[in-house]
Amino acid sequence: MSYRLITTALLASLLAACATENTASHYATGDDAAVVKQGRNRSVAQLSESELRQHRRQRVDAAEEMALDVVKRRAQNEQLQDGLSTANRALETVNGVIGTIRNLRWGF
């Protein structure tokens, strides 16, 4: 007797859960696409789509700014390296001249 009562209660709760709107079974039947399409036509959803587009543009702009910063840093680094290499060549030349003068002095 108690098994029939428990079984009846479980069956009733299962049927009640399946019959209500917005349950997992409601979306599992394929109605979720229709709900999404209905939601897109609302002004709140359109506002959020425009906000998403704006955020995408901002992310692209931020990525471009970061790439530009990298290019600027690379150019500045190359300019500094060019100056250092020029100074290094000048010191090598001076060192070569001094070495030649020393060798000539020791030779005479």
PDB file of N, CA and C in Angstrom:
ATOM      1  N   MET A   1       0.816  -1.185   0.000  1.00  0.00           N
ATOM      2  CA  MET A   1       0.000   0.000   0.000  1.00  0.00           C
ATOM      3  C   MET A   1       0.870   1.263   0.000  1.00  0.00           C
ATOM      4  N   SER A   2       1.897   1.272   0.834  1.00  0.00           N
ATOM      5  CA  SER A   2       2.752   2.456   0.902  1.00  0.00           C
ATOM      6  C   SER A   2       3.549   2.619  -0.397  1.00  0.00           C
ATOM      7  N   TYR A   3       3.882   1.497  -1.062  1.00  0.00           N
ATOM      8  CA  TYR A   3       4.600   1.606  -2.337  1.00  0.00           C
ATOM      9  C   TYR A   3       3.733   2.268  -3.408  1.00  0.00           C
ATOM     10  N   ARG A   4       2.460   1.948  -3.407  1.00  0.00           N
ATOM     11  CA  ARG A   4       1.566   2.561  -4.374  1.00  0.00           C
ATOM     12  C   ARG A   4       1.426   4.062  -4.109  1.00  0.00           C
ATOM     13  N   LEU A   5       1.387   4.429  -2.856  1.00  0.00           N
ATOM     14  CA  LEU A   5       1.270   5.837  -2.494  1.00  0.00           C
ATOM     15  C   LEU A   5       2.535   6.588  -2.909  1.00  0.00           C
ATOM     16  N   ILE A   6       3.706   6.028  -2.639  1.00  0.00           N
ATOM     17  CA  ILE A   6       4.977   6.661  -3.011  1.00  0.00           C
ATOM     18  C   ILE A   6       5.095   6.749  -4.524  1.00  0.00           C
ATOM     19  N   THR A   7       4.736   5.675  -5.217  1.00  0.00           N
ATOM     20  CA  THR A   7       4.802   5.655  -6.675  1.00  0.00           C
ATOM     21  C   THR A   7       3.857   6.687  -7.275  1.00  0.00           C
ATOM     22  N   THR A   8       2.674   6.798  -6.722  1.00  0.00           N
ATOM     23  CA  THR A   8       1.702   7.780  -7.205  1.00  0.00           C
ATOM     24  C   THR A   8       2.207   9.192  -6.973  1.00  0.00           C
ATOM     25  N   ALA A   9       2.815   9.445  -5.825  1.00  0.00           N
ATOM     26  CA  ALA A   9       3.343  10.777  -5.517  1.00  0.00           C
ATOM     27  C   ALA A   9       4.502  11.130  -6.448  1.00  0.00           C
ATOM     28  N   LEU A  10       5.396  10.189  -6.694  1.00  0.00           N
ATOM     29  CA  LEU A  10       6.513  10.438  -7.608  1.00  0.00           C
ATOM     30  C   LEU A  10       6.031  10.685  -9.036  1.00  0.00           C
ATOM     31  N   LEU A  11       5.071   9.902  -9.471  1.00  0.00           N
ATOM     32  CA  LEU A  11       4.524  10.073 -10.809  1.00  0.00           C
ATOM     33  C   LEU A  11       3.834  11.432 -10.959  1.00  0.00           C
ATOM     34  N   ALA A  12       3.111  11.842  -9.935  1.00  0.00           N
ATOM     35  CA  ALA A  12       2.423  13.134  -9.973  1.00  0.00           C
ATOM     36  C   ALA A  12       3.432  14.278 -10.002  1.00  0.00           C
ATOM     37  N   SER A  13       4.485  14.184  -9.205  1.00  0.00           N
ATOM     38  CA  SER A  13       5.487  15.253  -9.202  1.00  0.00           C
ATOM     39  C   SER A  13       6.254  15.291 -10.522  1.00  0.00           C
ATOM     40  N   LEU A  14       6.521  14.133 -11.115  1.00  0.00           N
ATOM     41  CA  LEU A  14       7.202  14.083 -12.408  1.00  0.00           C
ATOM     42  C   LEU A  14       6.350  14.711 -13.497  1.00  0.00           C
ATOM     43  N   LEU A  15       5.065  14.374 -13.515  1.00  0.00           N
ATOM     44  CA  LEU A  15       4.168  14.962 -14.504  1.00  0.00           C
ATOM     45  C   LEU A  15       4.009  16.462 -14.298  1.00  0.00           C
ATOM     46  N   ALA A  16       3.967  16.897 -13.064  1.00  0.00           N
ATOM     47  CA  ALA A  16       3.843  18.327 -12.776  1.00  0.00           C
ATOM     48  C   ALA A  16       5.090  19.076 -13.226  1.00  0.00           C
ATOM     49  N   ALA A  17       6.254  18.470 -13.028  1.00  0.00           N
ATOM     50  CA  ALA A  17       7.504  19.113 -13.442  1.00  0.00           C
ATOM     51  C   ALA A  17       7.595  19.199 -14.960  1.00  0.00           C
ATOM     52  N   CYS A  18       7.154  18.192 -15.653  1.00  0.00           N
ATOM     53  CA  CYS A  18       7.212  18.199 -17.119  1.00  0.00           C
ATOM     54  C   CYS A  18       6.178  19.136 -17.729  1.00  0.00           C
ATOM     55  N   ALA A  19       5.108  19.403 -17.031  1.00  0.00           N
ATOM     56  CA  ALA A  19       4.035  20.226 -17.576  1.00  0.00           C
ATOM     57  C   ALA A  19       4.283  21.713 -17.384  1.00  0.00           C
ATOM     58  N   THR A  20       5.158  22.104 -16.474  1.00  0.00           N
ATOM     59  CA  THR A  20       5.379  23.526 -16.216  1.00  0.00           C
ATOM     60  C   THR A  20       6.305  24.115 -17.269  1.00  0.00           C
ATOM     61  N   GLU A  21       6.175  25.427 -17.482  1.00  0.00           N
ATOM     62  CA  GLU A  21       7.016  26.139 -18.442  1.00  0.00           C
ATOM     63  C   GLU A  21       8.415  26.345 -17.869  1.00  0.00           C
ATOM     64  N   ASN A  22       9.370  26.549 -18.774  1.00  0.00           N
ATOM     65  CA  ASN A  22      10.753  26.888 -18.429  1.00  0.00           C
ATOM     66  C   ASN A  22      11.440  25.828 -17.584  1.00  0.00           C
ATOM     67  N   THR A  23      11.153  24.613 -17.830  1.00  0.00           N
ATOM     68  CA  THR A  23      11.894  23.550 -17.163  1.00  0.00           C
ATOM     69  C   THR A  23      12.896  22.982 -18.147  1.00  0.00           C
ATOM     70  N   ALA A  24      13.722  22.104 -17.672  1.00  0.00           N
ATOM     71  CA  ALA A  24      14.739  21.502 -18.539  1.00  0.00           C
ATOM     72  C   ALA A  24      14.080  20.714 -19.663  1.00  0.00           C
ATOM     73  N   SER A  25      12.971  20.066 -19.375  1.00  0.00           N
ATOM     74  CA  SER A  25      12.308  19.294 -20.422  1.00  0.00           C
ATOM     75  C   SER A  25      11.727  20.203 -21.491  1.00  0.00           C
ATOM     76  N   HIS A  26      11.308  21.408 -21.087  1.00  0.00           N
ATOM     77  CA  HIS A  26      10.751  22.358 -22.045  1.00  0.00           C
ATOM     78  C   HIS A  26      11.824  22.766 -23.055  1.00  0.00           C
ATOM     79  N   TYR A  27      13.026  23.029 -22.575  1.00  0.00           N
ATOM     80  CA  TYR A  27      14.100  23.419 -23.467  1.00  0.00           C
ATOM     81  C   TYR A  27      14.684  22.222 -24.211  1.00  0.00           C
ATOM     82  N   ALA A  28      14.575  21.054 -23.660  1.00  0.00           N
ATOM     83  CA  ALA A  28      15.146  19.877 -24.299  1.00  0.00           C
ATOM     84  C   ALA A  28      14.376  19.464 -25.541  1.00  0.00           C
ATOM     85  N   THR A  29      13.180  19.959 -25.714  1.00  0.00           N
ATOM     86  CA  THR A  29      12.383  19.567 -26.884  1.00  0.00           C
ATOM     87  C   THR A  29      12.746  20.377 -28.116  1.00  0.00           C
ATOM     88  N   GLY A  30      13.657  21.314 -28.001  1.00  0.00           N
ATOM     89  CA  GLY A  30      14.041  22.118 -29.154  1.00  0.00           C
ATOM     90  C   GLY A  30      13.405  23.483 -29.162  1.00  0.00           C
ATOM     91  N   ASP A  31      12.672  23.829 -28.115  1.00  0.00           N
ATOM     92  CA  ASP A  31      12.025  25.131 -28.057  1.00  0.00           C
ATOM     93  C   ASP A  31      12.995  26.240 -27.663  1.00  0.00           C
ATOM     94  N   ASP A  32      14.202  25.874 -27.277  1.00  0.00           N
ATOM     95  CA  ASP A  32      15.144  26.905 -26.845  1.00  0.00           C
ATOM     96  C   ASP A  32      15.529  27.826 -27.998  1.00  0.00           C
ATOM     97  N   ALA A  33      15.585  27.309 -29.227  1.00  0.00           N
ATOM     98  CA  ALA A  33      15.900  28.163 -30.373  1.00  0.00           C
ATOM     99  C   ALA A  33      14.802  29.210 -30.564  1.00  0.00           C
ATOM    100  N   ALA A  34      13.558  28.820 -30.392  1.00  0.00           N
ATOM    101  CA  ALA A  34      12.446  29.766 -30.524  1.00  0.00           C
ATOM    102  C   ALA A  34      12.501  30.823 -29.428  1.00  0.00           C
ATOM    103  N   VAL A  35      12.861  30.418 -28.238  1.00  0.00           N
ATOM    104  CA  VAL A  35      12.966  31.372 -27.124  1.00  0.00           C
ATOM    105  C   VAL A  35      14.087  32.362 -27.390  1.00  0.00           C
ATOM    106  N   VAL A  36      15.205  31.881 -27.912  1.00  0.00           N
ATOM    107  CA  VAL A  36      16.322  32.772 -28.216  1.00  0.00           C
ATOM    108  C   VAL A  36      15.929  33.761 -29.308  1.00  0.00           C
ATOM    109  N   LYS A  37      15.232  33.278 -30.336  1.00  0.00           N
ATOM    110  CA  LYS A  37      14.803  34.174 -31.415  1.00  0.00           C
ATOM    111  C   LYS A  37      13.832  35.226 -30.907  1.00  0.00           C
ATOM    112  N   GLN A  38      12.955  34.834 -30.006  1.00  0.00           N
ATOM    113  CA  GLN A  38      12.027  35.808 -29.427  1.00  0.00           C
ATOM    114  C   GLN A  38      12.793  36.837 -28.603  1.00  0.00           C
ATOM    115  N   GLY A  39      13.819  36.383 -27.886  1.00  0.00           N
ATOM    116  CA  GLY A  39      14.597  37.291 -27.048  1.00  0.00           C
ATOM    117  C   GLY A  39      15.400  38.297 -27.857  1.00  0.00           C
ATOM    118  N   ARG A  40      15.798  37.938 -29.076  1.00  0.00           N
ATOM    119  CA  ARG A  40      16.588  38.854 -29.907  1.00  0.00           C
ATOM    120  C   ARG A  40      15.784  40.055 -30.354  1.00  0.00           C
ATOM    121  N   ASN A  41      14.486  39.917 -30.449  1.00  0.00           N
ATOM    122  CA  ASN A  41      13.648  41.011 -30.933  1.00  0.00           C
ATOM    123  C   ASN A  41      13.325  42.026 -29.846  1.00  0.00           C
ATOM    124  N   ARG A  42      13.651  41.712 -28.614  1.00  0.00           N
ATOM    125  CA  ARG A  42      13.371  42.660 -27.537  1.00  0.00           C
ATOM    126  C   ARG A  42      14.386  43.795 -27.569  1.00  0.00           C
ATOM    127  N   SER A  43      13.985  44.964 -27.092  1.00  0.00           N
ATOM    128  CA  SER A  43      14.876  46.125 -27.118  1.00  0.00           C
ATOM    129  C   SER A  43      16.076  45.914 -26.196  1.00  0.00           C
ATOM    130  N   VAL A  44      15.878  45.192 -25.107  1.00  0.00           N
ATOM    131  CA  VAL A  44      16.995  44.924 -24.189  1.00  0.00           C
ATOM    132  C   VAL A  44      18.041  44.068 -24.881  1.00  0.00           C
ATOM    133  N   ALA A  45      17.592  43.092 -25.635  1.00  0.00           N
ATOM    134  CA  ALA A  45      18.529  42.221 -26.348  1.00  0.00           C
ATOM    135  C   ALA A  45      19.241  42.993 -27.449  1.00  0.00           C
ATOM    136  N   GLN A  46      18.532  43.891 -28.124  1.00  0.00           N
ATOM    137  CA  GLN A  46      19.169  44.681 -29.176  1.00  0.00           C
ATOM    138  C   GLN A  46      20.187  45.634 -28.586  1.00  0.00           C
ATOM    139  N   LEU A  47      19.874  46.165 -27.438  1.00  0.00           N
ATOM    140  CA  LEU A  47      20.823  47.031 -26.758  1.00  0.00           C
ATOM    141  C   LEU A  47      22.071  46.242 -26.384  1.00  0.00           C
ATOM    142  N   SER A  48      21.880  45.038 -25.910  1.00  0.00           N
ATOM    143  CA  SER A  48      23.038  44.258 -25.525  1.00  0.00           C
ATOM    144  C   SER A  48      23.850  43.850 -26.749  1.00  0.00           C
ATOM    145  N   GLU A  49      23.201  43.620 -27.891  1.00  0.00           N
ATOM    146  CA  GLU A  49      23.955  43.320 -29.112  1.00  0.00           C
ATOM    147  C   GLU A  49      24.793  44.512 -29.534  1.00  0.00           C
ATOM    148  N   SER A  50      24.227  45.708 -29.428  1.00  0.00           N
ATOM    149  CA  SER A  50      25.007  46.897 -29.787  1.00  0.00           C
ATOM    150  C   SER A  50      26.151  47.097 -28.801  1.00  0.00           C
ATOM    151  N   GLU A  51      25.894  46.810 -27.539  1.00  0.00           N
ATOM    152  CA  GLU A  51      26.977  46.895 -26.561  1.00  0.00           C
ATOM    153  C   GLU A  51      28.059  45.872 -26.855  1.00  0.00           C
ATOM    154  N   LEU A  52      27.674  44.681 -27.270  1.00  0.00           N
ATOM    155  CA  LEU A  52      28.665  43.664 -27.633  1.00  0.00           C
ATOM    156  C   LEU A  52      29.493  44.115 -28.830  1.00  0.00           C
ATOM    157  N   ARG A  53      28.841  44.698 -29.814  1.00  0.00           N
ATOM    158  CA  ARG A  53      29.588  45.207 -30.971  1.00  0.00           C
ATOM    159  C   ARG A  53      30.575  46.285 -30.536  1.00  0.00           C
ATOM    160  N   GLN A  54      30.135  47.162 -29.641  1.00  0.00           N
ATOM    161  CA  GLN A  54      31.012  48.228 -29.157  1.00  0.00           C
ATOM    162  C   GLN A  54      32.198  47.637 -28.396  1.00  0.00           C
ATOM    163  N   HIS A  55      31.947  46.632 -27.561  1.00  0.00           N
ATOM    164  CA  HIS A  55      33.039  45.995 -26.821  1.00  0.00           C
ATOM    165  C   HIS A  55      34.014  45.319 -27.776  1.00  0.00           C
ATOM    166  N   ARG A  56      33.484  44.696 -28.838  1.00  0.00           N
ATOM    167  CA  ARG A  56      34.379  44.073 -29.829  1.00  0.00           C
ATOM    168  C   ARG A  56      35.253  45.122 -30.495  1.00  0.00           C
ATOM    169  N   ARG A  57      34.644  46.254 -30.866  1.00  0.00           N
ATOM    170  CA  ARG A  57      35.428  47.322 -31.484  1.00  0.00           C
ATOM    171  C   ARG A  57      36.486  47.850 -30.523  1.00  0.00           C
ATOM    172  N   GLN A  58      36.117  47.982 -29.247  1.00  0.00           N
ATOM    173  CA  GLN A  58      37.082  48.469 -28.262  1.00  0.00           C
ATOM    174  C   GLN A  58      38.231  47.489 -28.085  1.00  0.00           C
ATOM    175  N   ARG A  59      37.898  46.176 -28.115  1.00  0.00           N
ATOM    176  CA  ARG A  59      38.966  45.184 -28.006  1.00  0.00           C
ATOM    177  C   ARG A  59      39.900  45.241 -29.208  1.00  0.00           C
ATOM    178  N   VAL A  60      39.326  45.434 -30.408  1.00  0.00           N
ATOM    179  CA  VAL A  60      40.145  45.538 -31.615  1.00  0.00           C
ATOM    180  C   VAL A  60      41.013  46.787 -31.532  1.00  0.00           C
ATOM    181  N   ASP A  61      40.415  47.902 -31.086  1.00  0.00           N
ATOM    182  CA  ASP A  61      41.181  49.138 -30.945  1.00  0.00           C
ATOM    183  C   ASP A  61      42.307  48.965 -29.932  1.00  0.00           C
ATOM    184  N   ALA A  62      42.026  48.301 -28.825  1.00  0.00           N
ATOM    185  CA  ALA A  62      43.051  48.077 -27.806  1.00  0.00           C
ATOM    186  C   ALA A  62      44.163  47.195 -28.352  1.00  0.00           C
ATOM    187  N   ALA A  63      43.798  46.184 -29.126  1.00  0.00           N
ATOM    188  CA  ALA A  63      44.818  45.308 -29.714  1.00  0.00           C
ATOM    189  C   ALA A  63      45.680  46.088 -30.707  1.00  0.00           C
ATOM    190  N   GLU A  64      45.055  46.962 -31.496  1.00  0.00           N
ATOM    191  CA  GLU A  64      45.820  47.776 -32.433  1.00  0.00           C
ATOM    192  C   GLU A  64      46.748  48.739 -31.696  1.00  0.00           C
ATOM    193  N   GLU A  65      46.270  49.328 -30.598  1.00  0.00           N
ATOM    194  CA  GLU A  65      47.112  50.224 -29.818  1.00  0.00           C
ATOM    195  C   GLU A  65      48.299  49.479 -29.220  1.00  0.00           C
ATOM    196  N   MET A  66      48.055  48.268 -28.739  1.00  0.00           N
ATOM    197  CA  MET A  66      49.153  47.479 -28.186  1.00  0.00           C
ATOM    198  C   MET A  66      50.168  47.133 -29.264  1.00  0.00           C
ATOM    199  N   ALA A  67      49.693  46.785 -30.457  1.00  0.00           N
ATOM    200  CA  ALA A  67      50.609  46.483 -31.562  1.00  0.00           C
ATOM    201  C   ALA A  67      51.404  47.723 -31.955  1.00  0.00           C
ATOM    202  N   LEU A  68      50.757  48.881 -31.950  1.00  0.00           N
ATOM    203  CA  LEU A  68      51.459  50.126 -32.261  1.00  0.00           C
ATOM    204  C   LEU A  68      52.506  50.439 -31.203  1.00  0.00           C
ATOM    205  N   ASP A  69      52.190  50.199 -29.933  1.00  0.00           N
ATOM    206  CA  ASP A  69      53.168  50.399 -28.865  1.00  0.00           C
ATOM    207  C   ASP A  69      54.371  49.482 -29.039  1.00  0.00           C
ATOM    208  N   VAL A  70      54.123  48.246 -29.448  1.00  0.00           N
ATOM    209  CA  VAL A  70      55.224  47.306 -29.677  1.00  0.00           C
ATOM    210  C   VAL A  70      56.111  47.807 -30.810  1.00  0.00           C
ATOM    211  N   VAL A  71      55.488  48.298 -31.877  1.00  0.00           N
ATOM    212  CA  VAL A  71      56.262  48.821 -33.009  1.00  0.00           C
ATOM    213  C   VAL A  71      57.077  50.035 -32.575  1.00  0.00           C
ATOM    214  N   LYS A  72      56.470  50.922 -31.787  1.00  0.00           N
ATOM    215  CA  LYS A  72      57.195  52.107 -31.306  1.00  0.00           C
ATOM    216  C   LYS A  72      58.373  51.707 -30.424  1.00  0.00           C
ATOM    217  N   ARG A  73      58.142  50.751 -29.505  1.00  0.00           N
ATOM    218  CA  ARG A  73      59.240  50.299 -28.642  1.00  0.00           C
ATOM    219  C   ARG A  73      60.356  49.659 -29.450  1.00  0.00           C
ATOM    220  N   ARG A  74      59.963  48.861 -30.452  1.00  0.00           N
ATOM    221  CA  ARG A  74      60.970  48.207 -31.298  1.00  0.00           C
ATOM    222  C   ARG A  74      61.786  49.243 -32.062  1.00  0.00           C
ATOM    223  N   ALA A  75      61.127  50.287 -32.597  1.00  0.00           N
ATOM    224  CA  ALA A  75      61.832  51.341 -33.323  1.00  0.00           C
ATOM    225  C   ALA A  75      62.774  52.102 -32.391  1.00  0.00           C
ATOM    226  N   GLN A  76      62.304  52.383 -31.176  1.00  0.00           N
ATOM    227  CA  GLN A  76      63.142  53.085 -30.211  1.00  0.00           C
ATOM    228  C   GLN A  76      64.342  52.224 -29.823  1.00  0.00           C
ATOM    229  N   ASN A  77      64.114  50.927 -29.654  1.00  0.00           N
ATOM    230  CA  ASN A  77      65.197  50.018 -29.308  1.00  0.00           C
ATOM    231  C   ASN A  77      66.215  49.932 -30.445  1.00  0.00           C
ATOM    232  N   GLU A  78      65.730  49.861 -31.689  1.00  0.00           N
ATOM    233  CA  GLU A  78      66.639  49.818 -32.834  1.00  0.00           C
ATOM    234  C   GLU A  78      67.447  51.100 -32.952  1.00  0.00           C
ATOM    235  N   GLN A  79      66.801  52.236 -32.674  1.00  0.00           N
ATOM    236  CA  GLN A  79      67.510  53.509 -32.726  1.00  0.00           C
ATOM    237  C   GLN A  79      68.609  53.548 -31.661  1.00  0.00           C
ATOM    238  N   LEU A  80      68.304  53.060 -30.478  1.00  0.00           N
ATOM    239  CA  LEU A  80      69.306  53.009 -29.406  1.00  0.00           C
ATOM    240  C   LEU A  80      70.437  52.053 -29.772  1.00  0.00           C
ATOM    241  N   GLN A  81      70.094  50.908 -30.349  1.00  0.00           N
ATOM    242  CA  GLN A  81      71.114  49.945 -30.759  1.00  0.00           C
ATOM    243  C   GLN A  81      72.000  50.515 -31.867  1.00  0.00           C
ATOM    244  N   ASP A  82      71.413  51.272 -32.781  1.00  0.00           N
ATOM    245  CA  ASP A  82      72.212  51.902 -33.835  1.00  0.00           C
ATOM    246  C   ASP A  82      73.221  52.878 -33.241  1.00  0.00           C
ATOM    247  N   GLY A  83      72.778  53.677 -32.272  1.00  0.00           N
ATOM    248  CA  GLY A  83      73.689  54.616 -31.612  1.00  0.00           C
ATOM    249  C   GLY A  83      74.807  53.898 -30.869  1.00  0.00           C
ATOM    250  N   LEU A  84      74.452  52.811 -30.184  1.00  0.00           N
ATOM    251  CA  LEU A  84      75.479  52.060 -29.449  1.00  0.00           C
ATOM    252  C   LEU A  84      76.462  51.377 -30.400  1.00  0.00           C
ATOM    253  N   SER A  85      75.962  50.852 -31.502  1.00  0.00           N
ATOM    254  CA  SER A  85      76.867  50.197 -32.446  1.00  0.00           C
ATOM    255  C   SER A  85      77.796  51.217 -33.109  1.00  0.00           C
ATOM    256  N   THR A  86      77.309  52.436 -33.367  1.00  0.00           N
ATOM    257  CA  THR A  86      78.160  53.489 -33.924  1.00  0.00           C
ATOM    258  C   THR A  86      79.248  53.871 -32.925  1.00  0.00           C
ATOM    259  N   ALA A  87      78.876  53.998 -31.661  1.00  0.00           N
ATOM    260  CA  ALA A  87      79.873  54.310 -30.633  1.00  0.00           C
ATOM    261  C   ALA A  87      80.885  53.171 -30.499  1.00  0.00           C
ATOM    262  N   ASN A  88      80.412  51.930 -30.615  1.00  0.00           N
ATOM    263  CA  ASN A  88      81.310  50.786 -30.525  1.00  0.00           C
ATOM    264  C   ASN A  88      82.307  50.791 -31.681  1.00  0.00           C
ATOM    265  N   ARG A  89      81.834  51.087 -32.895  1.00  0.00           N
ATOM    266  CA  ARG A  89      82.745  51.155 -34.046  1.00  0.00           C
ATOM    267  C   ARG A  89      83.772  52.276 -33.882  1.00  0.00           C
ATOM    268  N   ALA A  90      83.331  53.414 -33.324  1.00  0.00           N
ATOM    269  CA  ALA A  90      84.262  54.530 -33.101  1.00  0.00           C
ATOM    270  C   ALA A  90      85.333  54.132 -32.092  1.00  0.00           C
ATOM    271  N   LEU A  91      84.929  53.446 -31.030  1.00  0.00           N
ATOM    272  CA  LEU A  91      85.920  53.002 -30.034  1.00  0.00           C
ATOM    273  C   LEU A  91      86.870  51.961 -30.616  1.00  0.00           C
ATOM    274  N   GLU A  92      86.372  51.090 -31.456  1.00  0.00           N
ATOM    275  CA  GLU A  92      87.244  50.104 -32.112  1.00  0.00           C
ATOM    276  C   GLU A  92      88.268  50.800 -33.009  1.00  0.00           C
ATOM    277  N   THR A  93      87.823  51.839 -33.706  1.00  0.00           N
ATOM    278  CA  THR A  93      88.740  52.593 -34.565  1.00  0.00           C
ATOM    279  C   THR A  93      89.818  53.280 -33.734  1.00  0.00           C
ATOM    280  N   VAL A  94      89.395  53.929 -32.643  1.00  0.00           N
ATOM    281  CA  VAL A  94      90.353  54.593 -31.756  1.00  0.00           C
ATOM    282  C   VAL A  94      91.311  53.572 -31.172  1.00  0.00           C
ATOM    283  N   ASN A  95      90.805  52.430 -30.747  1.00  0.00           N
ATOM    284  CA  ASN A  95      91.655  51.383 -30.189  1.00  0.00           C
ATOM    285  C   ASN A  95      92.648  50.878 -31.242  1.00  0.00           C
ATOM    286  N   GLY A  96      92.206  50.733 -32.474  1.00  0.00           N
ATOM    287  CA  GLY A  96      93.115  50.304 -33.547  1.00  0.00           C
ATOM    288  C   GLY A  96      94.201  51.324 -33.814  1.00  0.00           C
ATOM    289  N   VAL A  97      93.848  52.604 -33.802  1.00  0.00           N
ATOM    290  CA  VAL A  97      94.837  53.664 -34.014  1.00  0.00           C
ATOM    291  C   VAL A  97      95.843  53.665 -32.870  1.00  0.00           C
ATOM    292  N   ILE A  98      95.388  53.551 -31.639  1.00  0.00           N
ATOM    293  CA  ILE A  98      96.288  53.526 -30.480  1.00  0.00           C
ATOM    294  C   ILE A  98      97.197  52.305 -30.550  1.00  0.00           C
ATOM    295  N   GLY A  99      96.637  51.147 -30.900  1.00  0.00           N
ATOM    296  CA  GLY A  99      97.461  49.938 -31.028  1.00  0.00           C
ATOM    297  C   GLY A  99      98.512  50.083 -32.107  1.00  0.00           C
ATOM    298  N   THR A 100      98.142  50.723 -33.227  1.00  0.00           N
ATOM    299  CA  THR A 100      99.116  50.941 -34.311  1.00  0.00           C
ATOM    300  C   THR A 100     100.225  51.877 -33.843  1.00  0.00           C
ATOM    301  N   ILE A 101      99.860  52.940 -33.146  1.00  0.00           N
ATOM    302  CA  ILE A 101     100.861  53.885 -32.636  1.00  0.00           C
ATOM    303  C   ILE A 101     101.794  53.174 -31.664  1.00  0.00           C
ATOM    304  N   ARG A 102     101.300  52.331 -30.757  1.00  0.00           N
ATOM    305  CA  ARG A 102     102.142  51.590 -29.815  1.00  0.00           C
ATOM    306  C   ARG A 102     103.105  50.656 -30.562  1.00  0.00           C
ATOM    307  N   ASN A 103     102.567  49.954 -31.560  1.00  0.00           N
ATOM    308  CA  ASN A 103     103.416  49.039 -32.317  1.00  0.00           C
ATOM    309  C   ASN A 103     104.512  49.803 -33.070  1.00  0.00           C
ATOM    310  N   LEU A 104     104.163  50.951 -33.615  1.00  0.00           N
ATOM    311  CA  LEU A 104     105.177  51.739 -34.314  1.00  0.00           C
ATOM    312  C   LEU A 104     106.218  52.278 -33.343  1.00  0.00           C
ATOM    313  N   ARG A 105     105.797  52.673 -32.168  1.00  0.00           N
ATOM    314  CA  ARG A 105     106.736  53.191 -31.156  1.00  0.00           C
ATOM    315  C   ARG A 105     107.695  52.114 -30.693  1.00  0.00           C
ATOM    316  N   TRP A 106     107.193  50.882 -30.503  1.00  0.00           N
ATOM    317  CA  TRP A 106     108.054  49.788 -30.066  1.00  0.00           C
ATOM    318  C   TRP A 106     108.993  49.353 -31.199  1.00  0.00           C
ATOM    319  N   GLY A 107     108.532  49.575 -32.407  1.00  0.00           N
ATOM    320  CA  GLY A 107     109.371  49.157 -33.526  1.00  0.00           C
ATOM    321  C   GLY A 107     110.548  50.063 -33.780  1.00  0.00           C
ATOM    322  N   PHE A 108     110.450  51.334 -33.460  1.00  0.00           N
ATOM    323  CA  PHE A 108     111.549  52.278 -33.726  1.00  0.00           C
ATOM    324  C   PHE A 108     112.291  52.509 -32.492  1.00  0.00           C
TER     325      PHE A 108
END
